[in-house]
C-alpha atoms as a PDB file:
ATOM      1  CA  MET A   1     105.644  73.490 118.559  1.00  0.00           C
ATOM      2  CA  ALA A   2     107.877  73.921 115.553  1.00  0.00           C
ATOM      3  CA  ASP A   3     111.588  73.219 115.945  1.00  0.00           C
ATOM      4  CA  THR A   4     112.557  76.729 114.875  1.00  0.00           C
ATOM      5  CA  ALA A   5     111.418  80.181 115.943  1.00  0.00           C
ATOM      6  CA  PRO A   6     108.923  82.054 113.750  1.00  0.00           C
ATOM      7  CA  LEU A   7     110.057  84.484 111.082  1.00  0.00           C
ATOM      8  CA  SER A   8     109.955  88.224 111.709  1.00  0.00           C
ATOM      9  CA  LEU A   9     108.788  90.932 109.328  1.00  0.00           C
ATOM     10  CA  CYS A  10     110.952  93.371 111.265  1.00  0.00           C
ATOM     11  CA  ASP A  11     114.078  91.424 110.253  1.00  0.00           C
ATOM     12  CA  ARG A  12     113.304  91.773 106.552  1.00  0.00           C
ATOM     13  CA  GLU A  13     114.574  94.585 104.326  1.00  0.00           C
ATOM     14  CA  PRO A  14     113.918  93.257 100.814  1.00  0.00           C
ATOM     15  CA  HIS A  15     115.410  94.647  97.610  1.00  0.00           C
ATOM     16  CA  VAL A  16     113.156  94.382  94.564  1.00  0.00           C
ATOM     17  CA  PRO A  17     114.854  94.596  91.133  1.00  0.00           C
ATOM     18  CA  ALA A  18     113.047  96.438  88.361  1.00  0.00           C
ATOM     19  CA  ASP A  19     112.564  93.322  86.232  1.00  0.00           C
ATOM     20  CA  ARG A  20     110.611  91.720  89.067  1.00  0.00           C
ATOM     21  CA  LEU A  21     108.265  94.721  89.165  1.00  0.00           C
ATOM     22  CA  VAL A  22     107.516  94.203  85.467  1.00  0.00           C
ATOM     23  CA  ALA A  23     107.129  90.422  85.726  1.00  0.00           C
ATOM     24  CA  GLU A  24     104.721  90.773  88.654  1.00  0.00           C
ATOM     25  CA  MET A  25     102.281  93.011  86.778  1.00  0.00           C
ATOM     26  CA  VAL A  26      99.666  90.259  86.773  1.00  0.00           C
ATOM     27  CA  PRO A  27      96.654  89.702  89.045  1.00  0.00           C
ATOM     28  CA  PRO A  28      97.868  88.767  92.555  1.00  0.00           C
ATOM     29  CA  PRO A  29      97.480  85.211  93.914  1.00  0.00           C
ATOM     30  CA  ARG A  30      94.071  85.890  95.468  1.00  0.00           C
ATOM     31  CA  PHE A  31      92.767  86.740  92.005  1.00  0.00           C
ATOM     32  CA  ASP A  32      94.673  84.089  90.035  1.00  0.00           C
ATOM     33  CA  SER A  33      91.648  81.919  89.442  1.00  0.00           C
ATOM     34  CA  VAL A  34      88.827  84.473  89.407  1.00  0.00           C
ATOM     35  CA  ARG A  35      86.712  84.714  86.292  1.00  0.00           C
ATOM     36  CA  PHE A  36      83.483  86.437  85.380  1.00  0.00           C
ATOM     37  CA  ASP A  37      81.570  83.238  86.132  1.00  0.00           C
ATOM     38  CA  THR A  38      83.061  83.033  89.650  1.00  0.00           C
ATOM     39  CA  TYR A  39      81.789  86.517  90.524  1.00  0.00           C
ATOM     40  CA  ILE A  40      78.629  86.131  92.610  1.00  0.00           C
ATOM     41  CA  PRO A  41      76.385  89.145  92.007  1.00  0.00           C
ATOM     42  CA  ASP A  42      74.124  90.317  94.799  1.00  0.00           C
ATOM     43  CA  PRO A  43      70.605  89.564  93.511  1.00  0.00           C
ATOM     44  CA  ASN A  44      69.455  92.835  95.079  1.00  0.00           C
ATOM     45  CA  GLN A  45      71.980  94.831  93.014  1.00  0.00           C
ATOM     46  CA  PRO A  46      71.269  94.451  89.285  1.00  0.00           C
ATOM     47  CA  SER A  47      74.206  96.723  88.439  1.00  0.00           C
ATOM     48  CA  GLN A  48      76.538  93.886  89.482  1.00  0.00           C
ATOM     49  CA  THR A  49      75.066  91.461  86.954  1.00  0.00           C
ATOM     50  CA  GLU A  50      75.148  94.209  84.345  1.00  0.00           C
ATOM     51  CA  ALA A  51      78.817  94.890  85.072  1.00  0.00           C
ATOM     52  CA  VAL A  52      79.733  91.265  84.362  1.00  0.00           C
ATOM     53  CA  ARG A  53      77.923  91.368  81.021  1.00  0.00           C
ATOM     54  CA  VAL A  54      79.432  94.689  79.965  1.00  0.00           C
ATOM     55  CA  LEU A  55      82.989  93.740  80.923  1.00  0.00           C
ATOM     56  CA  ALA A  56      82.781  90.330  79.252  1.00  0.00           C
ATOM     57  CA  ASN A  57      81.778  92.097  76.041  1.00  0.00           C
ATOM     58  CA  PHE A  58      84.549  94.622  76.603  1.00  0.00           C
ATOM     59  CA  ALA A  59      87.126  91.809  76.827  1.00  0.00           C
ATOM     60  CA  ALA A  60      85.777  90.207  73.667  1.00  0.00           C
ATOM     61  CA  GLY A  61      86.152  93.550  71.913  1.00  0.00           C
ATOM     62  CA  LEU A  62      89.883  93.489  72.596  1.00  0.00           C
ATOM     63  CA  SER A  63      90.475  90.500  70.352  1.00  0.00           C
ATOM     64  CA  GLY A  64      91.638  92.615  67.418  1.00  0.00           C
ATOM     65  CA  ALA A  65      95.217  93.501  66.628  1.00  0.00           C
ATOM     66  CA  HIS A  66      97.016  96.064  68.714  1.00  0.00           C
ATOM     67  CA  ALA A  67      95.755  99.439  67.505  1.00  0.00           C
ATOM     68  CA  VAL A  68      98.833 101.640  67.303  1.00  0.00           C
ATOM     69  CA  GLY A  69      97.921 105.301  67.271  1.00  0.00           C
ATOM     70  CA  GLY A  70      94.627 104.797  69.038  1.00  0.00           C
ATOM     71  CA  GLY A  71      92.717 102.683  66.561  1.00  0.00           C
ATOM     72  CA  ASN A  72      89.072 101.957  67.295  1.00  0.00           C
ATOM     73  CA  ARG A  73      88.598  98.438  66.018  1.00  0.00           C
ATOM     74  CA  GLY A  74      85.995  96.560  68.034  1.00  0.00           C
ATOM     75  CA  PHE A  75      85.361  99.363  70.508  1.00  0.00           C
ATOM     76  CA  LEU A  76      82.692  98.658  73.084  1.00  0.00           C
ATOM     77  CA  GLY A  77      80.624 101.784  73.674  1.00  0.00           C
ATOM     78  CA  PHE A  78      78.317 102.538  76.544  1.00  0.00           C
ATOM     79  CA  GLY A  79      74.808 103.846  76.253  1.00  0.00           C
ATOM     80  CA  LYS A  80      72.554 105.369  78.890  1.00  0.00           C
ATOM     81  CA  PHE A  81      72.927 103.814  82.355  1.00  0.00           C
ATOM     82  CA  GLY A  82      76.178 102.113  81.281  1.00  0.00           C
ATOM     83  CA  LYS A  83      74.483  99.590  79.010  1.00  0.00           C
ATOM     84  CA  ALA A  84      76.801  98.102  76.433  1.00  0.00           C
ATOM     85  CA  LYS A  85      76.121  98.712  72.778  1.00  0.00           C
ATOM     86  CA  ALA A  86      77.962  98.110  69.548  1.00  0.00           C
ATOM     87  CA  ALA A  87      79.670 101.353  68.664  1.00  0.00           C
ATOM     88  CA  LYS A  88      82.557 103.082  67.030  1.00  0.00           C
ATOM     89  CA  THR A  89      84.375 105.914  68.710  1.00  0.00           C
ATOM     90  CA  PRO A  90      86.147 108.735  66.940  1.00  0.00           C
ATOM     91  CA  ALA A  91      89.708 107.797  67.866  1.00  0.00           C
ATOM     92  CA  GLY A  92      91.421 106.375  70.853  1.00  0.00           C
ATOM     93  CA  PRO A  93      91.574 103.065  72.623  1.00  0.00           C
ATOM     94  CA  ARG A  94      88.942 101.447  74.726  1.00  0.00           C
ATOM     95  CA  GLY A  95      88.770 102.468  78.362  1.00  0.00           C
ATOM     96  CA  VAL A  96      86.457 101.613  81.245  1.00  0.00           C
ATOM     97  CA  TYR A  97      86.328 102.814  84.844  1.00  0.00           C
ATOM     98  CA  LEU A  98      84.637 100.750  87.575  1.00  0.00           C
ATOM     99  CA  ASP A  99      82.812 103.029  89.984  1.00  0.00           C
ATOM    100  CA  GLY A 100      81.655 101.580  93.298  1.00  0.00           C
ATOM    101  CA  GLY A 101      82.216 101.383  97.030  1.00  0.00           C
ATOM    102  CA  TYR A 102      84.710  99.079  98.733  1.00  0.00           C
ATOM    103  CA  GLY A 103      83.918  95.388  98.789  1.00  0.00           C
ATOM    104  CA  VAL A 104      81.596  95.280  95.760  1.00  0.00           C
ATOM    105  CA  GLY A 105      84.094  93.155  93.848  1.00  0.00           C
ATOM    106  CA  LYS A 106      85.749  95.737  91.601  1.00  0.00           C
ATOM    107  CA  THR A 107      89.157  94.035  91.819  1.00  0.00           C
ATOM    108  CA  HIS A 108      87.555  90.647  91.113  1.00  0.00           C
ATOM    109  CA  LEU A 109      85.948  92.095  87.993  1.00  0.00           C
ATOM    110  CA  LEU A 110      89.107  93.911  86.918  1.00  0.00           C
ATOM    111  CA  ALA A 111      91.156  90.705  87.267  1.00  0.00           C
ATOM    112  CA  SER A 112      88.446  88.773  85.405  1.00  0.00           C
ATOM    113  CA  LEU A 113      88.729  91.288  82.579  1.00  0.00           C
ATOM    114  CA  TRP A 114      92.491  90.697  82.484  1.00  0.00           C
ATOM    115  CA  HIS A 115      92.017  86.920  82.369  1.00  0.00           C
ATOM    116  CA  ALA A 116      89.283  87.137  79.713  1.00  0.00           C
ATOM    117  CA  THR A 117      91.212  89.420  77.371  1.00  0.00           C
ATOM    118  CA  PRO A 118      92.455  87.249  74.479  1.00  0.00           C
ATOM    119  CA  ALA A 119      96.141  88.064  74.595  1.00  0.00           C
ATOM    120  CA  GLU A 120      99.308  86.474  75.925  1.00  0.00           C
ATOM    121  CA  PRO A 121     100.070  87.411  79.552  1.00  0.00           C
ATOM    122  CA  SER A 122     103.115  89.335  78.356  1.00  0.00           C
ATOM    123  CA  LEU A 123     100.804  91.592  76.319  1.00  0.00           C
ATOM    124  CA  LYS A 124      98.575  92.670  79.191  1.00  0.00           C
ATOM    125  CA  ALA A 125      99.441  94.186  82.548  1.00  0.00           C
ATOM    126  CA  PHE A 126      97.669  94.408  85.908  1.00  0.00           C
ATOM    127  CA  GLY A 127      98.767  96.421  88.901  1.00  0.00           C
ATOM    128  CA  THR A 128      97.712  98.882  91.546  1.00  0.00           C
ATOM    129  CA  PHE A 129      98.303 102.575  91.079  1.00  0.00           C
ATOM    130  CA  VAL A 130     101.116 102.358  93.657  1.00  0.00           C
ATOM    131  CA  GLU A 131     102.768  99.503  91.763  1.00  0.00           C
ATOM    132  CA  LEU A 132     102.574 101.512  88.547  1.00  0.00           C
ATOM    133  CA  THR A 133     104.235 104.562  90.107  1.00  0.00           C
ATOM    134  CA  ASN A 134     106.879 102.260  91.573  1.00  0.00           C
ATOM    135  CA  LEU A 135     107.533 100.886  88.095  1.00  0.00           C
ATOM    136  CA  VAL A 136     108.060 104.411  86.764  1.00  0.00           C
ATOM    137  CA  GLY A 137     110.431 105.094  89.654  1.00  0.00           C
ATOM    138  CA  ALA A 138     112.415 101.935  88.945  1.00  0.00           C
ATOM    139  CA  LEU A 139     112.556 102.104  85.135  1.00  0.00           C
ATOM    140  CA  GLY A 140     112.224 105.805  84.459  1.00  0.00           C
ATOM    141  CA  PHE A 141     109.343 107.384  82.555  1.00  0.00           C
ATOM    142  CA  GLN A 142     110.470 106.746  78.978  1.00  0.00           C
ATOM    143  CA  LYS A 143     111.460 103.130  79.641  1.00  0.00           C
ATOM    144  CA  THR A 144     108.080 102.492  81.266  1.00  0.00           C
ATOM    145  CA  VAL A 145     106.328 103.904  78.206  1.00  0.00           C
ATOM    146  CA  GLN A 146     108.424 101.631  75.967  1.00  0.00           C
ATOM    147  CA  THR A 147     107.772  98.606  78.185  1.00  0.00           C
ATOM    148  CA  LEU A 148     103.986  98.985  78.253  1.00  0.00           C
ATOM    149  CA  SER A 149     103.302 100.447  74.798  1.00  0.00           C
ATOM    150  CA  GLY A 150     103.132  97.044  73.130  1.00  0.00           C
ATOM    151  CA  HIS A 151     100.453  95.795  75.528  1.00  0.00           C
ATOM    152  CA  ARG A 152      96.870  95.069  74.537  1.00  0.00           C
ATOM    153  CA  LEU A 153      95.470  96.023  77.965  1.00  0.00           C
ATOM    154  CA  LEU A 154      96.562  97.824  81.141  1.00  0.00           C
ATOM    155  CA  CYS A 155      94.460  97.335  84.274  1.00  0.00           C
ATOM    156  CA  ILE A 156      95.011  99.777  87.148  1.00  0.00           C
ATOM    157  CA  ASP A 157      93.477  98.881  90.487  1.00  0.00           C
ATOM    158  CA  GLU A 158      92.886 101.523  93.155  1.00  0.00           C
ATOM    159  CA  PHE A 159      93.730 104.591  91.081  1.00  0.00           C
ATOM    160  CA  GLU A 160      94.949 107.086  93.685  1.00  0.00           C
ATOM    161  CA  LEU A 161      93.521 110.599  93.536  1.00  0.00           C
ATOM    162  CA  ASP A 162      94.958 111.735  96.855  1.00  0.00           C
ATOM    163  CA  ASP A 163      98.487 112.385  95.575  1.00  0.00           C
ATOM    164  CA  PRO A 164      98.331 115.147  92.935  1.00  0.00           C
ATOM    165  CA  GLY A 165     101.936 114.633  91.821  1.00  0.00           C
ATOM    166  CA  ASP A 166     101.598 110.908  91.239  1.00  0.00           C
ATOM    167  CA  THR A 167      98.170 111.370  89.650  1.00  0.00           C
ATOM    168  CA  VAL A 168      99.608 113.791  87.084  1.00  0.00           C
ATOM    169  CA  LEU A 169     102.568 111.446  86.501  1.00  0.00           C
ATOM    170  CA  VAL A 170     100.372 108.437  85.803  1.00  0.00           C
ATOM    171  CA  SER A 171      97.907 110.494  83.769  1.00  0.00           C
ATOM    172  CA  THR A 172     100.793 111.599  81.546  1.00  0.00           C
ATOM    173  CA  LEU A 173     101.962 107.993  81.252  1.00  0.00           C
ATOM    174  CA  LEU A 174      98.482 106.828  80.310  1.00  0.00           C
ATOM    175  CA  GLY A 175      98.282 109.544  77.689  1.00  0.00           C
ATOM    176  CA  LYS A 176     101.400 108.116  76.038  1.00  0.00           C
ATOM    177  CA  LEU A 177      99.968 104.608  76.216  1.00  0.00           C
ATOM    178  CA  VAL A 178      96.665 105.826  74.768  1.00  0.00           C
ATOM    179  CA  ASP A 179      98.572 107.179  71.786  1.00  0.00           C
ATOM    180  CA  ALA A 180     100.194 103.759  71.397  1.00  0.00           C
ATOM    181  CA  GLY A 181      96.775 102.055  71.319  1.00  0.00           C
ATOM    182  CA  VAL A 182      96.758 100.398  74.743  1.00  0.00           C
ATOM    183  CA  ALA A 183      93.284  99.686  76.135  1.00  0.00           C
ATOM    184  CA  LEU A 184      92.745 100.877  79.714  1.00  0.00           C
ATOM    185  CA  ALA A 185      90.646  99.740  82.647  1.00  0.00           C
ATOM    186  CA  ALA A 186      90.684 101.148  86.170  1.00  0.00           C
ATOM    187  CA  THR A 187      89.093 101.115  89.581  1.00  0.00           C
ATOM    188  CA  SER A 188      89.737 103.921  92.019  1.00  0.00           C
ATOM    189  CA  ASN A 189      90.659 105.050  95.476  1.00  0.00           C
ATOM    190  CA  THR A 190      89.762 108.681  95.982  1.00  0.00           C
ATOM    191  CA  LEU A 191      89.539 111.318  98.637  1.00  0.00           C
ATOM    192  CA  PRO A 192      86.507 110.020 100.492  1.00  0.00           C
ATOM    193  CA  GLY A 193      85.322 113.538 101.331  1.00  0.00           C
ATOM    194  CA  LYS A 194      84.012 113.376  97.786  1.00  0.00           C
ATOM    195  CA  LEU A 195      82.200 110.119  98.342  1.00  0.00           C
ATOM    196  CA  GLY A 196      78.478 110.015  98.826  1.00  0.00           C
ATOM    197  CA  GLU A 197      77.747 106.926 100.860  1.00  0.00           C
ATOM    198  CA  GLY A 198      81.131 105.305 100.385  1.00  0.00           C
ATOM    199  CA  ARG A 199      80.974 105.517  96.616  1.00  0.00           C
ATOM    200  CA  PHE A 200      83.458 107.312  94.405  1.00  0.00           C
ATOM    201  CA  ALA A 201      82.169 110.135  92.230  1.00  0.00           C
ATOM    202  CA  ALA A 202      83.131 109.164  88.683  1.00  0.00           C
ATOM    203  CA  ALA A 203      83.199 112.805  87.593  1.00  0.00           C
ATOM    204  CA  ASP A 204      86.078 113.453  90.007  1.00  0.00           C
ATOM    205  CA  PHE A 205      88.080 110.630  88.471  1.00  0.00           C
ATOM    206  CA  LEU A 206      87.468 111.858  84.944  1.00  0.00           C
ATOM    207  CA  ARG A 207      88.391 115.412  85.878  1.00  0.00           C
ATOM    208  CA  GLU A 208      91.629 114.325  87.550  1.00  0.00           C
ATOM    209  CA  ILE A 209      92.848 112.442  84.502  1.00  0.00           C
ATOM    210  CA  GLN A 210      92.065 115.518  82.397  1.00  0.00           C
ATOM    211  CA  GLY A 211      92.834 114.744  78.759  1.00  0.00           C
ATOM    212  CA  LEU A 212      92.042 111.066  79.256  1.00  0.00           C
ATOM    213  CA  ALA A 213      88.493 111.738  80.401  1.00  0.00           C
ATOM    214  CA  SER A 214      87.022 111.027  76.988  1.00  0.00           C
ATOM    215  CA  ARG A 215      88.807 107.682  76.897  1.00  0.00           C
ATOM    216  CA  PHE A 216      87.037 106.236  79.945  1.00  0.00           C
ATOM    217  CA  HIS A 217      83.437 105.159  80.322  1.00  0.00           C
ATOM    218  CA  PRO A 218      82.300 104.843  83.948  1.00  0.00           C
ATOM    219  CA  LEU A 219      80.525 101.639  84.912  1.00  0.00           C
ATOM    220  CA  ARG A 220      78.716 101.924  88.222  1.00  0.00           C
ATOM    221  CA  ILE A 221      78.615  98.936  90.582  1.00  0.00           C
ATOM    222  CA  ASP A 222      76.325  99.179  93.614  1.00  0.00           C
ATOM    223  CA  GLY A 223      76.275  96.943  96.674  1.00  0.00           C
ATOM    224  CA  GLU A 224      77.600  96.226 100.134  1.00  0.00           C
ATOM    225  CA  ASP A 225      80.961  94.764 101.133  1.00  0.00           C
ATOM    226  CA  TYR A 226      80.861  91.135  99.945  1.00  0.00           C
ATOM    227  CA  ARG A 227      83.565  90.140 102.446  1.00  0.00           C
ATOM    228  CA  HIS A 228      81.017  90.430 105.231  1.00  0.00           C
ATOM    229  CA  ARG A 229      77.799  89.672 103.364  1.00  0.00           C
ATOM    230  CA  GLY A 230      76.048  86.935 105.302  1.00  0.00           C
ATOM    231  CA  LEU A 231      79.155  86.035 107.313  1.00  0.00           C
ATOM    232  CA  PRO A 232      79.486  85.875 111.088  1.00  0.00           C
ATOM    233  CA  GLU A 233      81.259  88.606 113.008  1.00  0.00           C
ATOM    234  CA  ALA A 234      85.039  88.577 112.822  1.00  0.00           C
ATOM    235  CA  PRO A 235      86.718  86.629 115.623  1.00  0.00           C
ATOM    236  CA  ALA A 236      87.755  88.653 118.641  1.00  0.00           C
ATOM    237  CA  PRO A 237      91.509  89.140 119.154  1.00  0.00           C
ATOM    238  CA  PHE A 238      93.310  86.332 120.939  1.00  0.00           C
ATOM    239  CA  ALA A 239      95.606  86.488 123.960  1.00  0.00           C
ATOM    240  CA  ASP A 240      99.333  87.153 123.429  1.00  0.00           C
ATOM    241  CA  GLU A 241     100.125  83.637 124.573  1.00  0.00           C
ATOM    242  CA  GLU A 242      97.732  82.076 122.048  1.00  0.00           C
ATOM    243  CA  VAL A 243      99.170  84.109 119.173  1.00  0.00           C
ATOM    244  CA  THR A 244     102.740  83.257 120.162  1.00  0.00           C
ATOM    245  CA  LYS A 245     101.959  79.556 120.515  1.00  0.00           C
ATOM    246  CA  ALA A 246     100.260  79.502 117.094  1.00  0.00           C
ATOM    247  CA  ALA A 247     103.237  81.289 115.502  1.00  0.00           C
ATOM    248  CA  TYR A 248     105.646  78.653 116.821  1.00  0.00           C
ATOM    249  CA  ALA A 249     103.324  75.842 115.733  1.00  0.00           C
ATOM    250  CA  THR A 250     102.802  77.163 112.189  1.00  0.00           C
ATOM    251  CA  GLU A 251     105.558  76.597 109.651  1.00  0.00           C
ATOM    252  CA  GLY A 252     106.243  79.763 107.675  1.00  0.00           C
ATOM    253  CA  ALA A 253     104.533  82.089 110.159  1.00  0.00           C
ATOM    254  CA  SER A 254     105.965  85.416 111.261  1.00  0.00           C
ATOM    255  CA  LEU A 255     105.683  86.861 114.760  1.00  0.00           C
ATOM    256  CA  ASP A 256     106.057  90.557 115.557  1.00  0.00           C
ATOM    257  CA  ASP A 257     104.675  92.973 118.079  1.00  0.00           C
ATOM    258  CA  PHE A 258     102.500  95.523 116.344  1.00  0.00           C
ATOM    259  CA  PRO A 259     104.234  98.762 117.419  1.00  0.00           C
ATOM    260  CA  SER A 260     107.609  97.414 116.241  1.00  0.00           C
ATOM    261  CA  LEU A 261     106.132  96.401 112.898  1.00  0.00           C
ATOM    262  CA  LEU A 262     104.685  99.873 112.371  1.00  0.00           C
ATOM    263  CA  ALA A 263     108.097 101.382 113.084  1.00  0.00           C
ATOM    264  CA  HIS A 264     109.757  98.976 110.662  1.00  0.00           C
ATOM    265  CA  LEU A 265     107.334  99.799 107.850  1.00  0.00           C
ATOM    266  CA  ALA A 266     108.648 103.372 107.915  1.00  0.00           C
ATOM    267  CA  LYS A 267     112.084 102.014 106.917  1.00  0.00           C
ATOM    268  CA  VAL A 268     110.844  99.968 103.932  1.00  0.00           C
ATOM    269  CA  HIS A 269     109.488 101.549 100.761  1.00  0.00           C
ATOM    270  CA  PRO A 270     105.857 100.520 100.158  1.00  0.00           C
ATOM    271  CA  SER A 271     106.865  99.113  96.756  1.00  0.00           C
ATOM    272  CA  ARG A 272     108.660  96.372  98.710  1.00  0.00           C
ATOM    273  CA  TYR A 273     105.795  95.393 100.998  1.00  0.00           C
ATOM    274  CA  GLY A 274     104.864  92.535  98.679  1.00  0.00           C
ATOM    275  CA  ALA A 275     108.420  91.199  98.847  1.00  0.00           C
ATOM    276  CA  LEU A 276     108.318  91.720 102.604  1.00  0.00           C
ATOM    277  CA  THR A 277     105.692  88.978 102.776  1.00  0.00           C
ATOM    278  CA  ASP A 278     107.447  86.507 100.448  1.00  0.00           C
ATOM    279  CA  GLY A 279     107.052  82.927 101.622  1.00  0.00           C
ATOM    280  CA  LEU A 280     104.860  83.737 104.610  1.00  0.00           C
ATOM    281  CA  LYS A 281     102.065  81.336 105.488  1.00  0.00           C
ATOM    282  CA  ALA A 282     100.655  83.496 108.275  1.00  0.00           C
ATOM    283  CA  VAL A 283     101.315  86.809 110.029  1.00  0.00           C
ATOM    284  CA  CYS A 284     101.027  86.786 113.820  1.00  0.00           C
ATOM    285  CA  LEU A 285     100.864  90.113 115.646  1.00  0.00           C
ATOM    286  CA  THR A 286     100.814  90.858 119.353  1.00  0.00           C
ATOM    287  CA  ASP A 287      99.719  94.048 121.096  1.00  0.00           C
ATOM    288  CA  VAL A 288      97.639  95.537 118.268  1.00  0.00           C
ATOM    289  CA  GLN A 289      96.802  99.117 119.232  1.00  0.00           C
ATOM    290  CA  PRO A 290      95.524 102.281 117.552  1.00  0.00           C
ATOM    291  CA  VAL A 291      97.691 103.583 114.723  1.00  0.00           C
ATOM    292  CA  PRO A 292      99.360 106.776 115.989  1.00  0.00           C
ATOM    293  CA  ASP A 293      99.322 109.017 112.903  1.00  0.00           C
ATOM    294  CA  GLN A 294      98.194 109.254 109.312  1.00  0.00           C
ATOM    295  CA  SER A 295     101.534 108.465 107.654  1.00  0.00           C
ATOM    296  CA  THR A 296     101.765 105.244 109.644  1.00  0.00           C
ATOM    297  CA  ALA A 297      98.146 104.455 108.877  1.00  0.00           C
ATOM    298  CA  LEU A 298      98.666 104.794 105.129  1.00  0.00           C
ATOM    299  CA  ARG A 299     101.670 102.457 105.236  1.00  0.00           C
ATOM    300  CA  LEU A 300      99.574  99.916 107.122  1.00  0.00           C
ATOM    301  CA  VAL A 301      96.896 100.166 104.424  1.00  0.00           C
ATOM    302  CA  VAL A 302      99.461  99.158 101.775  1.00  0.00           C
ATOM    303  CA  LEU A 303     100.649  96.207 103.862  1.00  0.00           C
ATOM    304  CA  ALA A 304      97.047  95.096 104.429  1.00  0.00           C
ATOM    305  CA  ASP A 305      96.462  95.187 100.663  1.00  0.00           C
ATOM    306  CA  ARG A 306      99.537  93.075  99.947  1.00  0.00           C
ATOM    307  CA  LEU A 307      98.607  90.515 102.630  1.00  0.00           C
ATOM    308  CA  TYR A 308      95.072  90.320 101.302  1.00  0.00           C
ATOM    309  CA  ASP A 309      96.275  89.917  97.713  1.00  0.00           C
ATOM    310  CA  ARG A 310      98.484  87.033  98.812  1.00  0.00           C
ATOM    311  CA  GLU A 311      95.846  85.445 101.068  1.00  0.00           C
ATOM    312  CA  VAL A 312      98.089  85.526 104.135  1.00  0.00           C
ATOM    313  CA  PRO A 313      95.969  85.042 107.296  1.00  0.00           C
ATOM    314  CA  VAL A 314      96.567  87.488 110.144  1.00  0.00           C
ATOM    315  CA  LEU A 315      96.330  86.326 113.760  1.00  0.00           C
ATOM    316  CA  ALA A 316      96.406  89.088 116.341  1.00  0.00           C
ATOM    317  CA  SER A 317      96.115  90.002 119.994  1.00  0.00           C
ATOM    318  CA  GLY A 318      95.252  93.392 121.412  1.00  0.00           C
ATOM    319  CA  LEU A 319      92.514  95.564 119.961  1.00  0.00           C
ATOM    320  CA  PRO A 320      90.204  94.359 117.179  1.00  0.00           C
ATOM    321  CA  PHE A 321      91.000  95.689 113.718  1.00  0.00           C
ATOM    322  CA  ASP A 322      87.961  97.953 113.600  1.00  0.00           C
ATOM    323  CA  GLN A 323      89.622 100.034 116.324  1.00  0.00           C
ATOM    324  CA  LEU A 324      92.891 100.620 114.461  1.00  0.00           C
ATOM    325  CA  PHE A 325      91.999 104.053 113.133  1.00  0.00           C
ATOM    326  CA  SER A 326      90.777 107.066 115.062  1.00  0.00           C
ATOM    327  CA  GLU A 327      87.405 108.713 114.466  1.00  0.00           C
ATOM    328  CA  GLU A 328      89.256 111.637 112.936  1.00  0.00           C
ATOM    329  CA  MET A 329      90.939 109.318 110.431  1.00  0.00           C
ATOM    330  CA  LEU A 330      87.709 107.525 109.603  1.00  0.00           C
ATOM    331  CA  ASN A 331      85.996 110.844 108.935  1.00  0.00           C
ATOM    332  CA  GLY A 332      88.914 112.373 107.045  1.00  0.00           C
ATOM    333  CA  GLY A 333      90.271 112.478 103.533  1.00  0.00           C
ATOM    334  CA  TYR A 334      91.563 108.888 103.472  1.00  0.00           C
ATOM    335  CA  ARG A 335      88.411 107.355 104.930  1.00  0.00           C
ATOM    336  CA  LYS A 336      87.865 104.919 102.067  1.00  0.00           C
ATOM    337  CA  LYS A 337      91.353 103.461 102.386  1.00  0.00           C
ATOM    338  CA  TYR A 338      90.969 102.873 106.114  1.00  0.00           C
ATOM    339  CA  PHE A 339      87.612 101.164 105.744  1.00  0.00           C
ATOM    340  CA  ARG A 340      89.067  98.938 103.029  1.00  0.00           C
ATOM    341  CA  ALA A 341      91.971  98.016 105.314  1.00  0.00           C
ATOM    342  CA  ILE A 342      89.583  97.186 108.158  1.00  0.00           C
ATOM    343  CA  SER A 343      87.483  95.075 105.801  1.00  0.00           C
ATOM    344  CA  ARG A 344      90.473  93.154 104.445  1.00  0.00           C
ATOM    345  CA  LEU A 345      92.212  92.635 107.785  1.00  0.00           C
ATOM    346  CA  THR A 346      88.943  91.400 109.250  1.00  0.00           C
ATOM    347  CA  ALA A 347      88.650  88.856 106.445  1.00  0.00           C
ATOM    348  CA  LEU A 348      92.250  87.723 107.052  1.00  0.00           C
ATOM    349  CA  ALA A 349      91.598  87.477 110.799  1.00  0.00           C
ATOM    350  CA  ARG A 350      88.688  85.197 110.046  1.00  0.00           C
ATOM    351  CA  ASP A 351      90.984  83.062 107.881  1.00  0.00           C
ATOM    352  CA  ALA A 352      93.498  82.835 110.755  1.00  0.00           C
ATOM    353  CA  LYS A 353      91.094  81.511 113.360  1.00  0.00           C
ATOM    354  CA  GLY A 354      92.041  77.902 112.643  1.00  0.00           C
ATOM    355  CA  LEU A 355      95.702  78.557 113.496  1.00  0.00           C
ATOM    356  CA  VAL A 356      94.846  78.781 117.185  1.00  0.00           C
ATOM    357  CA  GLU A 357      92.594  75.756 117.080  1.00  0.00           C
ATOM    358  CA  GLY A 358      95.357  73.702 115.490  1.00  0.00           C
ATOM    359  CA  ALA A 359      98.194  74.916 117.714  1.00  0.00           C
END
């Protein structure tokens, strides 16, 4: 066992200064090294191979000078079925929206686009919708516009359509950035009642962003969740004693009981969940049980995203992660978010299996 007790997420109440929010608008650690050539398309889903080709061309089209006022130099247009073609558009920057179910690699592709865009890191930004709204909250609307207007590209992962107020706020922000010539790329999280078989309806996204609809070209990506494609079942939860022993034996691990962690998350703004995990090598949880209500569930989704982004393994006792959310939740308006959380926590649980074996 380690000489010192494990860390505790419940003891942390981080403060995140605004300049850190700006500096961290880059692909998260999990996607630091991804590139188009590290994306492994499903051979049974030709739209995945097509997406790589289209986005690589899209990135190459952003090599021109920053087009203030919505210039159209080097625009990459889209023909029937999303095929790329050389084109000019009337006015306005380039914009692409990645349409697909969870686990088809949209974030991988979005981060690859960021990496492939020929511009200094300070001239391109990458963040989730939540991180973008947090930036507006920290800097104020006008300062955010000023901060991002000089960028070549803004990538927004998991564009949220389930909060009308925030959606209008970000849509207004993007309109200002469009006028400044910033190229846009987005993936989306939407109200899953509008999903067919787990896939977002691109028309809903375009309607929600209203005046920006003409700026985005949807690129459909079909497929199943790559996190579980061809992999064995996730490991079953461990006993409390095994989780506790592993936490003490693992330097940089945290140890919390699940109900207490859920209560603590209500006291920390979701914009700080990334900072909440600073320096952690593993998260150990005892007594995992069903999430009691939707507000708590949505906070847990954000934490799961931040842990997944940072590749922090999660070792747990209690119920398996696929039993976190009730049937009502899984059939309700936030269904897509909950399935993504289950998928990501399951992947992190698989990563954590070795902690017990090495304890």
